[in-house]
Amino acid sequence: MNTRCLLVALSLVLIAGKGNGQSPAPDSRPAILTFDELRRLSSGGAVPPDLSAKVRMLLTTPFVSNAAARQGLPALILQAARSPSE
């Protein structure tokens, strides 16, 4: 039973590593704020609805860059941080 689970897990890792022949998605990022928009936000006055919507989009949209994948670099596998007491 354990051998079967190990083989299935290994197969899934190998299949996932191939990427199914798909190319990486294009980079995506929301529009960043201009200097004038930053000044309007820092003035402390009322924020116009268009600027408020732009800020909301900026804060809720992930910035994605697939440049490394397009260059063929392998994905990094992150390790959990350990506390000093371990």
C-alpha atoms as a PDB file:
ATOM      1  CA  MET A   1       0.000   0.000   0.000  1.00  0.00           C
ATOM      2  CA  ASN A   2       2.738   2.491   0.922  1.00  0.00           C
ATOM      3  CA  THR A   3       4.658   1.644  -2.242  1.00  0.00           C
ATOM      4  CA  ARG A   4       1.584   2.335  -4.359  1.00  0.00           C
ATOM      5  CA  CYS A   5       1.067   5.726  -2.669  1.00  0.00           C
ATOM      6  CA  LEU A   6       4.716   6.584  -3.190  1.00  0.00           C
ATOM      7  CA  LEU A   7       4.531   5.682  -6.891  1.00  0.00           C
ATOM      8  CA  VAL A   8       1.384   7.749  -7.385  1.00  0.00           C
ATOM      9  CA  ALA A   9       2.936  10.739  -5.600  1.00  0.00           C
ATOM     10  CA  LEU A  10       6.134  10.443  -7.634  1.00  0.00           C
ATOM     11  CA  SER A  11       4.147  10.215 -10.867  1.00  0.00           C
ATOM     12  CA  LEU A  12       2.178  13.347  -9.980  1.00  0.00           C
ATOM     13  CA  VAL A  13       5.372  15.258  -9.220  1.00  0.00           C
ATOM     14  CA  LEU A  14       6.907  14.223 -12.527  1.00  0.00           C
ATOM     15  CA  ILE A  15       3.772  15.127 -14.476  1.00  0.00           C
ATOM     16  CA  ALA A  16       3.488  18.502 -12.724  1.00  0.00           C
ATOM     17  CA  GLY A  17       7.161  19.201 -13.416  1.00  0.00           C
ATOM     18  CA  LYS A  18       6.652  18.820 -17.157  1.00  0.00           C
ATOM     19  CA  GLY A  19       4.192  21.723 -17.242  1.00  0.00           C
ATOM     20  CA  ASN A  20       1.962  19.849 -19.705  1.00  0.00           C
ATOM     21  CA  GLY A  21       3.681  21.608 -22.601  1.00  0.00           C
ATOM     22  CA  GLN A  22       2.170  24.973 -21.725  1.00  0.00           C
ATOM     23  CA  SER A  23       4.217  28.124 -21.925  1.00  0.00           C
ATOM     24  CA  PRO A  24       4.307  30.473 -18.914  1.00  0.00           C
ATOM     25  CA  ALA A  25       1.547  33.048 -18.706  1.00  0.00           C
ATOM     26  CA  PRO A  26       2.418  36.627 -19.614  1.00  0.00           C
ATOM     27  CA  ASP A  27       3.393  39.003 -16.828  1.00  0.00           C
ATOM     28  CA  SER A  28       0.561  40.915 -15.212  1.00  0.00           C
ATOM     29  CA  ARG A  29       0.424  43.853 -12.882  1.00  0.00           C
ATOM     30  CA  PRO A  30      -2.021  46.649 -12.166  1.00  0.00           C
ATOM     31  CA  ALA A  31      -1.258  50.236 -13.145  1.00  0.00           C
ATOM     32  CA  ILE A  32       0.946  51.910 -10.556  1.00  0.00           C
ATOM     33  CA  LEU A  33       0.241  55.339  -9.091  1.00  0.00           C
ATOM     34  CA  THR A  34       1.749  58.458 -10.612  1.00  0.00           C
ATOM     35  CA  PHE A  35       3.539  61.052  -8.507  1.00  0.00           C
ATOM     36  CA  ASP A  36       0.575  63.424  -8.769  1.00  0.00           C
ATOM     37  CA  GLU A  37      -1.780  60.670  -7.564  1.00  0.00           C
ATOM     38  CA  LEU A  38       0.492  59.979  -4.602  1.00  0.00           C
ATOM     39  CA  ARG A  39       0.475  63.692  -3.746  1.00  0.00           C
ATOM     40  CA  ARG A  40      -3.341  63.778  -3.890  1.00  0.00           C
ATOM     41  CA  LEU A  41      -3.509  60.782  -1.553  1.00  0.00           C
ATOM     42  CA  SER A  42      -1.054  62.334   0.903  1.00  0.00           C
ATOM     43  CA  SER A  43      -2.890  65.673   1.030  1.00  0.00           C
ATOM     44  CA  GLY A  44      -5.407  64.227   3.484  1.00  0.00           C
ATOM     45  CA  GLY A  45      -8.377  65.556   1.551  1.00  0.00           C
ATOM     46  CA  ALA A  46     -11.209  63.616  -0.035  1.00  0.00           C
ATOM     47  CA  VAL A  47     -10.039  60.969  -2.494  1.00  0.00           C
ATOM     48  CA  PRO A  48     -11.726  61.120  -5.908  1.00  0.00           C
ATOM     49  CA  PRO A  49     -13.676  57.957  -6.849  1.00  0.00           C
ATOM     50  CA  ASP A  50     -11.433  57.203  -9.854  1.00  0.00           C
ATOM     51  CA  LEU A  51      -8.288  57.364  -7.708  1.00  0.00           C
ATOM     52  CA  SER A  52      -9.954  55.309  -4.986  1.00  0.00           C
ATOM     53  CA  ALA A  53     -10.775  52.606  -7.534  1.00  0.00           C
ATOM     54  CA  LYS A  54      -7.194  52.646  -8.837  1.00  0.00           C
ATOM     55  CA  VAL A  55      -5.786  52.261  -5.312  1.00  0.00           C
ATOM     56  CA  ARG A  56      -8.204  49.407  -4.572  1.00  0.00           C
ATOM     57  CA  MET A  57      -7.149  47.646  -7.791  1.00  0.00           C
ATOM     58  CA  LEU A  58      -3.477  48.171  -6.942  1.00  0.00           C
ATOM     59  CA  LEU A  59      -3.870  46.722  -3.449  1.00  0.00           C
ATOM     60  CA  THR A  60      -5.971  43.713  -4.434  1.00  0.00           C
ATOM     61  CA  THR A  61      -4.330  42.588  -7.700  1.00  0.00           C
ATOM     62  CA  PRO A  62      -1.270  40.339  -7.463  1.00  0.00           C
ATOM     63  CA  PHE A  63       1.877  41.298  -9.339  1.00  0.00           C
ATOM     64  CA  VAL A  64       2.992  38.270 -11.367  1.00  0.00           C
ATOM     65  CA  SER A  65       6.229  37.873 -13.275  1.00  0.00           C
ATOM     66  CA  ASN A  66       6.962  34.692 -15.185  1.00  0.00           C
ATOM     67  CA  ALA A  67      10.264  35.957 -16.591  1.00  0.00           C
ATOM     68  CA  ALA A  68      12.245  33.227 -14.807  1.00  0.00           C
ATOM     69  CA  ALA A  69      10.025  30.463 -16.198  1.00  0.00           C
ATOM     70  CA  ARG A  70      10.364  31.866 -19.714  1.00  0.00           C
ATOM     71  CA  GLN A  71      14.147  31.684 -19.286  1.00  0.00           C
ATOM     72  CA  GLY A  72      13.866  28.031 -18.292  1.00  0.00           C
ATOM     73  CA  LEU A  73      14.862  28.434 -14.645  1.00  0.00           C
ATOM     74  CA  PRO A  74      13.453  25.800 -12.274  1.00  0.00           C
ATOM     75  CA  ALA A  75      10.868  26.753  -9.676  1.00  0.00           C
ATOM     76  CA  LEU A  76      12.128  27.392  -6.159  1.00  0.00           C
ATOM     77  CA  ILE A  77      10.695  25.187  -3.452  1.00  0.00           C
ATOM     78  CA  LEU A  78      10.308  27.284  -0.338  1.00  0.00           C
ATOM     79  CA  GLN A  79      11.136  25.849   3.056  1.00  0.00           C
ATOM     80  CA  ALA A  80       9.160  26.751   6.163  1.00  0.00           C
ATOM     81  CA  ALA A  81      11.039  29.050   8.538  1.00  0.00           C
ATOM     82  CA  ARG A  82      12.142  27.439  11.763  1.00  0.00           C
ATOM     83  CA  SER A  83      11.998  29.136  15.112  1.00  0.00           C
ATOM     84  CA  PRO A  84      15.303  29.638  16.976  1.00  0.00           C
ATOM     85  CA  SER A  85      14.206  27.131  19.652  1.00  0.00           C
ATOM     86  CA  GLU A  86      14.204  24.215  17.177  1.00  0.00           C
END
